[in-house]
C-alpha atoms as a PDB file:
ATOM      1  CA  MET A   1     -32.384  16.738 -72.402  1.00  0.00           C
ATOM      2  CA  HIS A   2     -31.340  18.233 -76.078  1.00  0.00           C
ATOM      3  CA  GLU A   3     -33.469  20.682 -77.589  1.00  0.00           C
ATOM      4  CA  ALA A   4     -33.795  18.149 -80.458  1.00  0.00           C
ATOM      5  CA  GLU A   5     -35.041  15.951 -78.180  1.00  0.00           C
ATOM      6  CA  PHE A   6     -36.823  17.997 -76.761  1.00  0.00           C
ATOM      7  CA  VAL A   7     -38.982  19.958 -79.129  1.00  0.00           C
ATOM      8  CA  GLN A   8     -39.085  15.954 -81.148  1.00  0.00           C
ATOM      9  CA  GLN A   9     -41.172  14.966 -77.677  1.00  0.00           C
ATOM     10  CA  ARG A  10     -42.873  17.253 -76.669  1.00  0.00           C
ATOM     11  CA  GLU A  11     -44.109  18.865 -80.092  1.00  0.00           C
ATOM     12  CA  PRO A  12     -47.106  16.662 -80.952  1.00  0.00           C
ATOM     13  CA  ASP A  13     -48.785  17.993 -77.225  1.00  0.00           C
ATOM     14  CA  TRP A  14     -48.490  21.631 -78.566  1.00  0.00           C
ATOM     15  CA  ARG A  15     -49.992  20.362 -81.841  1.00  0.00           C
ATOM     16  CA  ARG A  16     -52.486  19.231 -80.274  1.00  0.00           C
ATOM     17  CA  LEU A  17     -53.185  21.971 -77.959  1.00  0.00           C
ATOM     18  CA  SER A  18     -53.438  24.547 -81.304  1.00  0.00           C
ATOM     19  CA  VAL A  19     -55.932  22.338 -82.595  1.00  0.00           C
ATOM     20  CA  LEU A  20     -57.975  23.001 -79.907  1.00  0.00           C
ATOM     21  CA  CYS A  21     -57.382  26.525 -79.351  1.00  0.00           C
ATOM     22  CA  ASP A  22     -58.850  26.626 -83.106  1.00  0.00           C
ATOM     23  CA  LYS A  23     -62.109  24.294 -81.981  1.00  0.00           C
ATOM     24  CA  ALA A  24     -62.515  27.142 -78.760  1.00  0.00           C
ATOM     25  CA  ASP A  25     -61.491  29.829 -80.172  1.00  0.00           C
ATOM     26  CA  VAL A  26     -65.262  31.034 -80.654  1.00  0.00           C
ATOM     27  CA  SER A  27     -66.244  29.541 -77.288  1.00  0.00           C
ATOM     28  CA  PRO A  28     -64.936  26.735 -74.296  1.00  0.00           C
ATOM     29  CA  ALA A  29     -68.424  25.437 -74.621  1.00  0.00           C
ATOM     30  CA  ARG A  30     -67.158  24.321 -77.743  1.00  0.00           C
ATOM     31  CA  LEU A  31     -64.813  21.696 -76.473  1.00  0.00           C
ATOM     32  CA  GLU A  32     -66.468  17.591 -75.173  1.00  0.00           C
ATOM     33  CA  ARG A  33     -66.143  17.085 -71.287  1.00  0.00           C
ATOM     34  CA  ALA A  34     -62.959  15.097 -72.661  1.00  0.00           C
ATOM     35  CA  GLU A  35     -61.409  18.087 -74.500  1.00  0.00           C
ATOM     36  CA  LEU A  36     -62.178  20.447 -71.368  1.00  0.00           C
ATOM     37  CA  THR A  37     -60.127  18.298 -69.160  1.00  0.00           C
ATOM     38  CA  GLU A  38     -57.302  17.294 -72.106  1.00  0.00           C
ATOM     39  CA  PHE A  39     -57.049  21.345 -72.864  1.00  0.00           C
ATOM     40  CA  VAL A  40     -56.246  22.011 -69.725  1.00  0.00           C
ATOM     41  CA  ARG A  41     -53.661  19.302 -69.079  1.00  0.00           C
ATOM     42  CA  LEU A  42     -51.696  20.419 -72.138  1.00  0.00           C
ATOM     43  CA  TYR A  43     -52.342  24.053 -71.559  1.00  0.00           C
ATOM     44  CA  ARG A  44     -50.511  22.929 -68.044  1.00  0.00           C
ATOM     45  CA  ARG A  45     -48.045  20.650 -69.517  1.00  0.00           C
ATOM     46  CA  ALA A  46     -46.805  24.016 -72.242  1.00  0.00           C
ATOM     47  CA  SER A  47     -46.647  26.530 -69.443  1.00  0.00           C
ATOM     48  CA  ALA A  48     -43.875  24.471 -67.721  1.00  0.00           C
ATOM     49  CA  ASP A  49     -41.776  23.699 -71.618  1.00  0.00           C
ATOM     50  CA  LEU A  50     -42.148  27.782 -71.824  1.00  0.00           C
ATOM     51  CA  ALA A  51     -40.297  28.319 -68.472  1.00  0.00           C
ATOM     52  CA  TRP A  52     -37.763  25.387 -69.503  1.00  0.00           C
ATOM     53  CA  ALA A  53     -37.081  26.451 -72.457  1.00  0.00           C
ATOM     54  CA  ARG A  54     -36.848  30.431 -71.007  1.00  0.00           C
ATOM     55  CA  SER A  55     -34.618  29.403 -68.762  1.00  0.00           C
ATOM     56  CA  LEU A  56     -32.287  26.166 -70.383  1.00  0.00           C
ATOM     57  CA  SER A  57     -32.519  26.745 -73.740  1.00  0.00           C
ATOM     58  CA  ALA A  58     -31.063  29.660 -75.958  1.00  0.00           C
ATOM     59  CA  ASN A  59     -33.560  29.306 -78.698  1.00  0.00           C
ATOM     60  CA  THR A  60     -35.514  32.482 -78.760  1.00  0.00           C
ATOM     61  CA  GLU A  61     -37.745  31.421 -82.028  1.00  0.00           C
ATOM     62  CA  LEU A  62     -38.831  28.360 -79.333  1.00  0.00           C
ATOM     63  CA  ALA A  63     -39.646  30.641 -76.282  1.00  0.00           C
ATOM     64  CA  ALA A  64     -41.820  32.883 -78.708  1.00  0.00           C
ATOM     65  CA  PHE A  65     -43.449  30.371 -80.542  1.00  0.00           C
ATOM     66  CA  LEU A  66     -44.737  28.423 -76.834  1.00  0.00           C
ATOM     67  CA  ASN A  67     -45.120  31.427 -75.490  1.00  0.00           C
ATOM     68  CA  GLY A  68     -47.780  32.550 -77.867  1.00  0.00           C
ATOM     69  CA  LEU A  69     -48.872  28.907 -77.977  1.00  0.00           C
ATOM     70  CA  VAL A  70     -49.342  29.452 -73.777  1.00  0.00           C
ATOM     71  CA  GLY A  71     -51.158  32.680 -73.910  1.00  0.00           C
ATOM     72  CA  ARG A  72     -53.396  31.679 -76.824  1.00  0.00           C
ATOM     73  CA  ALA A  73     -54.977  29.354 -74.283  1.00  0.00           C
ATOM     74  CA  TYR A  74     -55.100  31.242 -71.232  1.00  0.00           C
ATOM     75  CA  GLY A  75     -56.581  33.514 -72.908  1.00  0.00           C
ATOM     76  CA  ILE A  76     -59.239  31.173 -73.732  1.00  0.00           C
ATOM     77  CA  LEU A  77     -59.511  28.818 -70.821  1.00  0.00           C
ATOM     78  CA  TYR A  78     -59.736  32.084 -68.772  1.00  0.00           C
ATOM     79  CA  ARG A  79     -62.162  34.390 -70.751  1.00  0.00           C
ATOM     80  CA  ARG A  80     -64.707  36.034 -69.231  1.00  0.00           C
ATOM     81  CA  PRO A  81     -67.850  34.880 -69.527  1.00  0.00           C
ATOM     82  CA  ARG A  82     -70.716  36.366 -72.381  1.00  0.00           C
ATOM     83  CA  ILE A  83     -73.597  38.211 -70.240  1.00  0.00           C
ATOM     84  CA  ARG A  84     -76.513  36.926 -71.318  1.00  0.00           C
ATOM     85  CA  LEU A  85     -78.892  39.014 -71.486  1.00  0.00           C
ATOM     86  CA  LEU A  86     -81.949  37.794 -69.605  1.00  0.00           C
ATOM     87  CA  PRO A  87     -79.285  37.201 -65.842  1.00  0.00           C
ATOM     88  CA  ALA A  88     -77.963  40.954 -66.929  1.00  0.00           C
ATOM     89  CA  LEU A  89     -81.646  42.359 -67.154  1.00  0.00           C
ATOM     90  CA  GLN A  90     -83.130  40.953 -64.171  1.00  0.00           C
ATOM     91  CA  SER A  91     -79.769  42.130 -62.513  1.00  0.00           C
ATOM     92  CA  ILE A  92     -80.728  45.705 -64.123  1.00  0.00           C
ATOM     93  CA  LEU A  93     -83.937  45.328 -63.452  1.00  0.00           C
ATOM     94  CA  ALA A  94     -82.792  44.711 -59.418  1.00  0.00           C
ATOM     95  CA  THR A  95     -80.025  47.754 -58.962  1.00  0.00           C
ATOM     96  CA  GLY A  96     -83.304  50.005 -60.230  1.00  0.00           C
ATOM     97  CA  ALA A  97     -85.540  48.648 -57.369  1.00  0.00           C
ATOM     98  CA  GLN A  98     -82.906  48.682 -54.227  1.00  0.00           C
ATOM     99  CA  VAL A  99     -81.894  52.021 -55.203  1.00  0.00           C
ATOM    100  CA  VAL A 100     -85.299  53.391 -55.422  1.00  0.00           C
ATOM    101  CA  ARG A 101     -86.018  51.455 -52.138  1.00  0.00           C
ATOM    102  CA  ARG A 102     -82.378  53.554 -50.927  1.00  0.00           C
ATOM    103  CA  ARG A 103     -83.266  56.784 -51.822  1.00  0.00           C
ATOM    104  CA  ALA A 104     -86.952  56.900 -51.423  1.00  0.00           C
ATOM    105  CA  TRP A 105     -86.791  60.025 -48.710  1.00  0.00           C
ATOM    106  CA  PHE A 106     -85.404  61.956 -52.073  1.00  0.00           C
ATOM    107  CA  ILE A 107     -87.775  60.583 -54.217  1.00  0.00           C
ATOM    108  CA  PHE A 108     -89.763  61.890 -51.812  1.00  0.00           C
ATOM    109  CA  ALA A 109     -89.116  65.692 -51.079  1.00  0.00           C
ATOM    110  CA  SER A 110     -88.997  65.694 -55.356  1.00  0.00           C
ATOM    111  CA  LEU A 111     -93.017  64.348 -55.248  1.00  0.00           C
ATOM    112  CA  ALA A 112     -93.123  67.235 -52.372  1.00  0.00           C
ATOM    113  CA  ILE A 113     -91.840  70.112 -54.037  1.00  0.00           C
ATOM    114  CA  PHE A 114     -94.021  69.090 -57.315  1.00  0.00           C
ATOM    115  CA  LEU A 115     -97.453  68.854 -55.106  1.00  0.00           C
ATOM    116  CA  PHE A 116     -96.396  72.443 -54.055  1.00  0.00           C
ATOM    117  CA  GLY A 117     -95.584  73.170 -57.560  1.00  0.00           C
ATOM    118  CA  ILE A 118     -99.899  72.423 -58.381  1.00  0.00           C
ATOM    119  CA  PHE A 119    -101.288  73.726 -55.370  1.00  0.00           C
ATOM    120  CA  SER A 120     -99.829  76.699 -54.926  1.00  0.00           C
ATOM    121  CA  THR A 121    -100.158  78.002 -58.113  1.00  0.00           C
ATOM    122  CA  ALA A 122    -104.290  76.941 -57.650  1.00  0.00           C
ATOM    123  CA  PHE A 123    -104.087  78.719 -54.822  1.00  0.00           C
ATOM    124  CA  ILE A 124    -103.048  81.949 -56.325  1.00  0.00           C
ATOM    125  CA  PHE A 125    -105.153  81.303 -59.149  1.00  0.00           C
ATOM    126  CA  ALA A 126    -108.157  81.749 -56.432  1.00  0.00           C
ATOM    127  CA  THR A 127    -106.514  84.533 -54.426  1.00  0.00           C
ATOM    128  CA  ARG A 128    -104.607  86.355 -57.133  1.00  0.00           C
ATOM    129  CA  PRO A 129    -106.070  86.355 -60.580  1.00  0.00           C
ATOM    130  CA  ASP A 130    -104.353  89.183 -61.591  1.00  0.00           C
ATOM    131  CA  LEU A 131    -100.735  87.457 -61.258  1.00  0.00           C
ATOM    132  CA  THR A 132    -102.378  84.512 -63.823  1.00  0.00           C
ATOM    133  CA  HIS A 133    -100.075  86.100 -66.433  1.00  0.00           C
ATOM    134  CA  TYR A 134     -97.403  85.181 -65.071  1.00  0.00           C
ATOM    135  CA  PHE A 135     -98.121  81.444 -65.346  1.00  0.00           C
ATOM    136  CA  ILE A 136    -100.341  80.954 -68.596  1.00  0.00           C
ATOM    137  CA  GLN A 137     -99.493  83.249 -71.547  1.00  0.00           C
ATOM    138  CA  PRO A 138    -103.153  84.586 -72.017  1.00  0.00           C
ATOM    139  CA  GLY A 139    -104.922  82.653 -75.502  1.00  0.00           C
ATOM    140  CA  ASP A 140    -102.454  79.370 -74.412  1.00  0.00           C
ATOM    141  CA  PRO A 141    -103.713  78.127 -77.189  1.00  0.00           C
ATOM    142  CA  ASN A 142    -103.007  74.697 -75.427  1.00  0.00           C
ATOM    143  CA  LEU A 143    -104.879  75.362 -72.798  1.00  0.00           C
ATOM    144  CA  GLU A 144    -108.167  76.551 -74.661  1.00  0.00           C
ATOM    145  CA  HIS A 145    -107.767  73.058 -76.607  1.00  0.00           C
ATOM    146  CA  TRP A 146    -108.404  71.784 -73.374  1.00  0.00           C
ATOM    147  CA  LYS A 147    -111.193  74.026 -72.109  1.00  0.00           C
ATOM    148  CA  LYS A 148    -112.886  72.693 -75.426  1.00  0.00           C
ATOM    149  CA  GLY A 149    -112.820  68.813 -73.319  1.00  0.00           C
ATOM    150  CA  GLU A 150    -112.625  67.375 -76.217  1.00  0.00           C
ATOM    151  CA  PHE A 151    -109.561  65.404 -79.159  1.00  0.00           C
ATOM    152  CA  GLU A 152    -109.803  64.473 -82.284  1.00  0.00           C
ATOM    153  CA  GLU A 153    -109.286  61.098 -82.994  1.00  0.00           C
ATOM    154  CA  ARG A 154    -105.987  60.189 -84.452  1.00  0.00           C
ATOM    155  CA  ASP A 155    -105.423  58.007 -87.170  1.00  0.00           C
ATOM    156  CA  VAL A 156    -102.302  55.203 -86.887  1.00  0.00           C
ATOM    157  CA  SER A 157     -99.793  57.538 -89.112  1.00  0.00           C
ATOM    158  CA  THR A 158    -100.983  60.606 -86.238  1.00  0.00           C
ATOM    159  CA  ALA A 159    -100.217  58.238 -82.840  1.00  0.00           C
ATOM    160  CA  PHE A 160     -97.328  57.352 -84.473  1.00  0.00           C
ATOM    161  CA  ALA A 161     -95.543  60.116 -86.007  1.00  0.00           C
ATOM    162  CA  ALA A 162     -96.838  61.762 -82.418  1.00  0.00           C
ATOM    163  CA  THR A 163     -95.361  58.476 -80.706  1.00  0.00           C
ATOM    164  CA  GLY A 164     -91.804  59.232 -82.503  1.00  0.00           C
ATOM    165  CA  MET A 165     -91.361  62.574 -80.938  1.00  0.00           C
ATOM    166  CA  TYR A 166     -92.292  61.756 -77.832  1.00  0.00           C
ATOM    167  CA  SER A 167     -89.971  59.489 -77.259  1.00  0.00           C
ATOM    168  CA  THR A 168     -87.482  61.630 -78.045  1.00  0.00           C
ATOM    169  CA  ASN A 169     -88.797  64.516 -76.409  1.00  0.00           C
ATOM    170  CA  ASN A 170     -90.270  62.906 -72.840  1.00  0.00           C
ATOM    171  CA  PRO A 171     -86.136  60.850 -72.587  1.00  0.00           C
ATOM    172  CA  THR A 172     -84.871  64.342 -73.498  1.00  0.00           C
ATOM    173  CA  VAL A 173     -86.780  66.211 -70.475  1.00  0.00           C
ATOM    174  CA  ALA A 174     -85.509  63.812 -68.271  1.00  0.00           C
ATOM    175  CA  LEU A 175     -81.877  63.854 -69.372  1.00  0.00           C
ATOM    176  CA  ARG A 176     -83.048  67.659 -68.638  1.00  0.00           C
ATOM    177  CA  ILE A 177     -84.427  67.771 -65.532  1.00  0.00           C
ATOM    178  CA  GLY A 178     -81.610  64.761 -64.157  1.00  0.00           C
ATOM    179  CA  THR A 179     -78.739  66.779 -65.637  1.00  0.00           C
ATOM    180  CA  PHE A 180     -79.319  70.449 -64.410  1.00  0.00           C
ATOM    181  CA  SER A 181     -80.322  68.906 -61.013  1.00  0.00           C
ATOM    182  CA  ALA A 182     -77.283  66.846 -60.591  1.00  0.00           C
ATOM    183  CA  ALA A 183     -74.913  69.566 -61.763  1.00  0.00           C
ATOM    184  CA  THR A 184     -76.764  72.206 -59.139  1.00  0.00           C
ATOM    185  CA  PHE A 185     -76.330  69.805 -56.432  1.00  0.00           C
ATOM    186  CA  GLY A 186     -80.149  69.689 -56.185  1.00  0.00           C
ATOM    187  CA  PHE A 187     -81.256  73.440 -57.190  1.00  0.00           C
ATOM    188  CA  GLY A 188     -81.989  72.543 -60.040  1.00  0.00           C
ATOM    189  CA  THR A 189     -84.422  69.914 -58.969  1.00  0.00           C
ATOM    190  CA  PHE A 190     -86.729  72.948 -56.484  1.00  0.00           C
ATOM    191  CA  TYR A 191     -87.438  74.365 -60.381  1.00  0.00           C
ATOM    192  CA  PHE A 192     -87.894  72.186 -62.099  1.00  0.00           C
ATOM    193  CA  MET A 193     -89.934  70.352 -60.118  1.00  0.00           C
ATOM    194  CA  TYR A 194     -92.083  73.773 -59.120  1.00  0.00           C
ATOM    195  CA  ALA A 195     -92.214  74.675 -62.291  1.00  0.00           C
ATOM    196  CA  ASN A 196     -93.769  71.290 -64.035  1.00  0.00           C
ATOM    197  CA  GLY A 197     -96.611  71.127 -61.066  1.00  0.00           C
ATOM    198  CA  ALA A 198     -96.936  74.858 -61.156  1.00  0.00           C
ATOM    199  CA  LEU A 199     -97.873  74.454 -65.148  1.00  0.00           C
ATOM    200  CA  LEU A 200     -99.837  71.178 -64.120  1.00  0.00           C
ATOM    201  CA  GLY A 201    -101.841  73.278 -61.303  1.00  0.00           C
ATOM    202  CA  ALA A 202    -102.792  76.488 -63.670  1.00  0.00           C
ATOM    203  CA  TYR A 203    -104.093  74.296 -65.983  1.00  0.00           C
ATOM    204  CA  GLY A 204    -106.049  72.630 -63.399  1.00  0.00           C
ATOM    205  CA  TYR A 205    -107.238  75.684 -62.188  1.00  0.00           C
ATOM    206  CA  GLU A 206    -108.738  76.935 -65.528  1.00  0.00           C
ATOM    207  CA  LEU A 207    -110.557  74.137 -66.286  1.00  0.00           C
ATOM    208  CA  ALA A 208    -112.197  73.680 -63.126  1.00  0.00           C
ATOM    209  CA  GLN A 209    -113.495  76.738 -63.695  1.00  0.00           C
ATOM    210  CA  VAL A 210    -115.257  75.234 -66.799  1.00  0.00           C
ATOM    211  CA  GLY A 211    -116.262  72.176 -65.448  1.00  0.00           C
ATOM    212  CA  HIS A 212    -113.176  70.743 -67.716  1.00  0.00           C
ATOM    213  CA  LEU A 213    -110.424  69.444 -64.420  1.00  0.00           C
ATOM    214  CA  ASP A 214    -111.870  65.591 -64.798  1.00  0.00           C
ATOM    215  CA  PHE A 215    -110.946  65.563 -68.220  1.00  0.00           C
ATOM    216  CA  LEU A 216    -107.477  66.829 -67.894  1.00  0.00           C
ATOM    217  CA  LEU A 217    -106.396  64.542 -64.643  1.00  0.00           C
ATOM    218  CA  VAL A 218    -108.328  61.938 -67.040  1.00  0.00           C
ATOM    219  CA  ASN A 219    -106.292  62.506 -69.976  1.00  0.00           C
ATOM    220  CA  VAL A 220    -103.080  62.894 -68.411  1.00  0.00           C
ATOM    221  CA  ALA A 221    -102.755  59.955 -65.835  1.00  0.00           C
ATOM    222  CA  PRO A 222    -102.496  56.689 -67.718  1.00  0.00           C
ATOM    223  CA  HIS A 223     -98.960  58.379 -69.735  1.00  0.00           C
ATOM    224  CA  GLY A 224     -98.385  60.701 -65.794  1.00  0.00           C
ATOM    225  CA  ALA A 225     -98.000  56.882 -63.908  1.00  0.00           C
ATOM    226  CA  SER A 226     -94.551  57.308 -65.838  1.00  0.00           C
ATOM    227  CA  GLU A 227     -93.678  60.295 -67.407  1.00  0.00           C
ATOM    228  CA  LEU A 228     -94.562  62.730 -64.651  1.00  0.00           C
ATOM    229  CA  THR A 229     -93.103  59.856 -62.062  1.00  0.00           C
ATOM    230  CA  GLY A 230     -90.133  59.339 -64.312  1.00  0.00           C
ATOM    231  CA  ALA A 231     -90.022  62.921 -63.778  1.00  0.00           C
ATOM    232  CA  ILE A 232     -89.947  63.609 -60.353  1.00  0.00           C
ATOM    233  CA  ILE A 233     -86.897  60.475 -59.903  1.00  0.00           C
ATOM    234  CA  ALA A 234     -85.253  62.799 -62.343  1.00  0.00           C
ATOM    235  CA  GLY A 235     -85.464  65.233 -60.067  1.00  0.00           C
ATOM    236  CA  ALA A 236     -84.489  63.114 -56.978  1.00  0.00           C
ATOM    237  CA  SER A 237     -81.165  62.623 -58.888  1.00  0.00           C
ATOM    238  CA  GLY A 238     -80.338  65.678 -58.312  1.00  0.00           C
ATOM    239  CA  LEU A 239     -81.516  66.264 -54.777  1.00  0.00           C
ATOM    240  CA  VAL A 240     -79.506  62.813 -53.890  1.00  0.00           C
ATOM    241  CA  LEU A 241     -76.236  64.205 -54.954  1.00  0.00           C
ATOM    242  CA  GLY A 242     -76.941  68.141 -53.517  1.00  0.00           C
ATOM    243  CA  TRP A 243     -77.711  66.362 -50.227  1.00  0.00           C
ATOM    244  CA  ALA A 244     -73.894  64.230 -50.470  1.00  0.00           C
ATOM    245  CA  MET A 245     -72.635  67.965 -51.101  1.00  0.00           C
ATOM    246  CA  ILE A 246     -74.412  69.058 -48.055  1.00  0.00           C
ATOM    247  CA  ALA A 247     -73.799  66.586 -45.274  1.00  0.00           C
ATOM    248  CA  PRO A 248     -71.511  63.894 -46.332  1.00  0.00           C
ATOM    249  CA  GLY A 249     -71.238  61.814 -42.722  1.00  0.00           C
ATOM    250  CA  ARG A 250     -67.989  60.655 -42.072  1.00  0.00           C
ATOM    251  CA  ARG A 251     -66.766  60.183 -45.861  1.00  0.00           C
ATOM    252  CA  SER A 252     -65.076  63.171 -47.278  1.00  0.00           C
ATOM    253  CA  ARG A 253     -66.988  64.804 -50.027  1.00  0.00           C
ATOM    254  CA  SER A 254     -64.973  63.736 -52.690  1.00  0.00           C
ATOM    255  CA  ASP A 255     -65.941  60.113 -51.725  1.00  0.00           C
ATOM    256  CA  ALA A 256     -69.753  60.847 -51.147  1.00  0.00           C
ATOM    257  CA  LEU A 257     -70.400  62.614 -54.036  1.00  0.00           C
ATOM    258  CA  ARG A 258     -68.839  59.661 -55.448  1.00  0.00           C
ATOM    259  CA  VAL A 259     -70.918  57.726 -53.542  1.00  0.00           C
ATOM    260  CA  ALA A 260     -74.222  59.407 -54.237  1.00  0.00           C
ATOM    261  CA  GLY A 261     -72.976  59.970 -57.928  1.00  0.00           C
ATOM    262  CA  LYS A 262     -73.856  55.699 -58.457  1.00  0.00           C
ATOM    263  CA  ASP A 263     -77.311  55.816 -57.451  1.00  0.00           C
ATOM    264  CA  ALA A 264     -77.929  59.103 -58.687  1.00  0.00           C
ATOM    265  CA  PHE A 265     -76.954  57.890 -62.170  1.00  0.00           C
ATOM    266  CA  VAL A 266     -79.308  54.995 -61.930  1.00  0.00           C
ATOM    267  CA  LEU A 267     -82.132  57.075 -60.489  1.00  0.00           C
ATOM    268  CA  LEU A 268     -81.649  59.157 -63.823  1.00  0.00           C
ATOM    269  CA  VAL A 269     -81.185  56.323 -66.178  1.00  0.00           C
ATOM    270  CA  MET A 270     -84.364  54.556 -64.846  1.00  0.00           C
ATOM    271  CA  SER A 271     -86.585  58.179 -65.130  1.00  0.00           C
ATOM    272  CA  VAL A 272     -85.127  58.328 -68.520  1.00  0.00           C
ATOM    273  CA  ALA A 273     -86.976  54.670 -69.812  1.00  0.00           C
ATOM    274  CA  MET A 274     -90.285  55.419 -67.768  1.00  0.00           C
ATOM    275  CA  MET A 275     -90.114  58.674 -69.850  1.00  0.00           C
ATOM    276  CA  PHE A 276     -89.735  56.528 -73.150  1.00  0.00           C
ATOM    277  CA  ILE A 277     -92.132  53.871 -71.524  1.00  0.00           C
ATOM    278  CA  ALA A 278     -94.705  56.719 -71.330  1.00  0.00           C
ATOM    279  CA  ALA A 279     -94.437  57.664 -74.951  1.00  0.00           C
ATOM    280  CA  PRO A 280     -96.554  55.020 -76.768  1.00  0.00           C
ATOM    281  CA  VAL A 281     -99.118  55.212 -74.226  1.00  0.00           C
ATOM    282  CA  GLU A 282     -99.815  59.203 -75.028  1.00  0.00           C
ATOM    283  CA  GLY A 283     -99.428  58.825 -78.513  1.00  0.00           C
ATOM    284  CA  PHE A 284    -101.577  55.775 -79.096  1.00  0.00           C
ATOM    285  CA  PHE A 285    -103.903  55.869 -75.943  1.00  0.00           C
ATOM    286  CA  SER A 286    -104.809  58.970 -73.471  1.00  0.00           C
ATOM    287  CA  PHE A 287    -105.452  61.161 -76.377  1.00  0.00           C
ATOM    288  CA  ASN A 288    -107.766  58.803 -77.763  1.00  0.00           C
ATOM    289  CA  PRO A 289    -111.136  59.675 -77.863  1.00  0.00           C
ATOM    290  CA  THR A 290    -112.392  56.239 -78.296  1.00  0.00           C
ATOM    291  CA  VAL A 291    -111.331  54.931 -75.519  1.00  0.00           C
ATOM    292  CA  PRO A 292    -113.479  55.237 -72.664  1.00  0.00           C
ATOM    293  CA  ALA A 293    -112.369  57.847 -69.440  1.00  0.00           C
ATOM    294  CA  ALA A 294    -112.704  54.204 -67.133  1.00  0.00           C
ATOM    295  CA  VAL A 295    -110.799  52.070 -69.420  1.00  0.00           C
ATOM    296  CA  LYS A 296    -108.214  55.253 -68.507  1.00  0.00           C
ATOM    297  CA  VAL A 297    -108.315  55.363 -65.139  1.00  0.00           C
ATOM    298  CA  ALA A 298    -107.965  51.892 -64.883  1.00  0.00           C
ATOM    299  CA  PHE A 299    -104.565  51.513 -66.920  1.00  0.00           C
ATOM    300  CA  ALA A 300    -103.099  54.700 -64.811  1.00  0.00           C
ATOM    301  CA  ALA A 301    -103.846  53.683 -61.732  1.00  0.00           C
ATOM    302  CA  LEU A 302    -102.541  49.662 -63.306  1.00  0.00           C
ATOM    303  CA  MET A 303     -99.195  50.840 -64.569  1.00  0.00           C
ATOM    304  CA  LEU A 304     -98.462  52.965 -61.464  1.00  0.00           C
ATOM    305  CA  THR A 305     -99.464  50.242 -59.351  1.00  0.00           C
ATOM    306  CA  ALA A 306     -97.530  47.932 -61.220  1.00  0.00           C
ATOM    307  CA  TRP A 307     -94.022  50.705 -60.544  1.00  0.00           C
ATOM    308  CA  LEU A 308     -94.469  50.392 -56.703  1.00  0.00           C
ATOM    309  CA  LEU A 309     -94.257  47.103 -57.240  1.00  0.00           C
ATOM    310  CA  TYR A 310     -91.737  46.702 -58.755  1.00  0.00           C
ATOM    311  CA  TRP A 311     -90.253  49.551 -56.417  1.00  0.00           C
ATOM    312  CA  ILE A 312     -91.294  47.950 -53.181  1.00  0.00           C
ATOM    313  CA  GLY A 313     -90.699  44.321 -53.762  1.00  0.00           C
ATOM    314  CA  TYR A 314     -88.641  43.825 -56.928  1.00  0.00           C
ATOM    315  CA  ALA A 315     -85.113  41.816 -55.463  1.00  0.00           C
ATOM    316  CA  ARG A 316     -85.850  42.597 -51.507  1.00  0.00           C
ATOM    317  CA  GLU A 317     -83.638  39.777 -49.736  1.00  0.00           C
ATOM    318  CA  PRO A 318     -86.257  38.165 -46.833  1.00  0.00           C
ATOM    319  CA  GLN A 319     -85.660  38.863 -43.492  1.00  0.00           C
ATOM    320  CA  THR A 320     -83.927  36.486 -41.565  1.00  0.00           C
ATOM    321  CA  PRO A 321     -83.705  36.900 -37.644  1.00  0.00           C
ATOM    322  CA  GLU A 322     -79.745  37.758 -38.457  1.00  0.00           C
ATOM    323  CA  THR A 323     -80.838  40.376 -40.527  1.00  0.00           C
ATOM    324  CA  ALA A 324     -83.762  41.811 -39.719  1.00  0.00           C
ATOM    325  CA  PRO A 325     -83.789  45.068 -37.699  1.00  0.00           C
END
């Protein structure tokens, strides 16, 4: 077949394929079912025409035109589908829950360090009051404020300002804990978890002496259900990397760190999200004197229960006789 005859015979199909490409440029979903079938057929014929032009014709302009047309059609036909928001969110939530279950022992270890900080500091305050200045500066204004056993009522603008401050400060704390713990392969977790636990234990002991321990617990619990738990998870991310360094198993240390790093990153992102969620609770709810203590306790219990149910049950595959241990 002569080139002129070839072009004259095949050009209508090329024009039609170009029109369909224009229509499908935004999304192939814009094509009707019949048009999509036609699009695939014309794409295959244009690919064959391109092969003919490259092998049997010396016309470089024709080959370049067909190459561009086929390349455009290929890009439309094999374009990656757009990620929809809901499936993407479900995938993110599933990954988070699965990583928490997989790395639960590291979270328990981080929690144990935090609790050790609380109770060891309370013990030190009870047995060696001369050492209290190592944990709390004399006349600490925050502690004196807590000892009053009441908060001033916040107006809406103050609550919004506090929420804004917590929304930036709290996630930053999670990132600081997670990144420093990861950089030190878990040693930072011992420092941060113990320091935070020690401060809470010191405040708790001092407030217990003036009969306001319940005031501390009730007003910390609503946002603490997310904030403190998020800090514990951030500490766990560093322990995950530390354990991969100490006990890589059958993998090389670099491979073990690469695998553990993915889970550590997920834990760190979750801790940042939990800190962010805690911000409006802390700004509007926890320190609001008009909210009854019973409501705060109930809210904290519901918040913590919701997190536990998510971690324990979300995206858990049902066991079958084949998958059961």
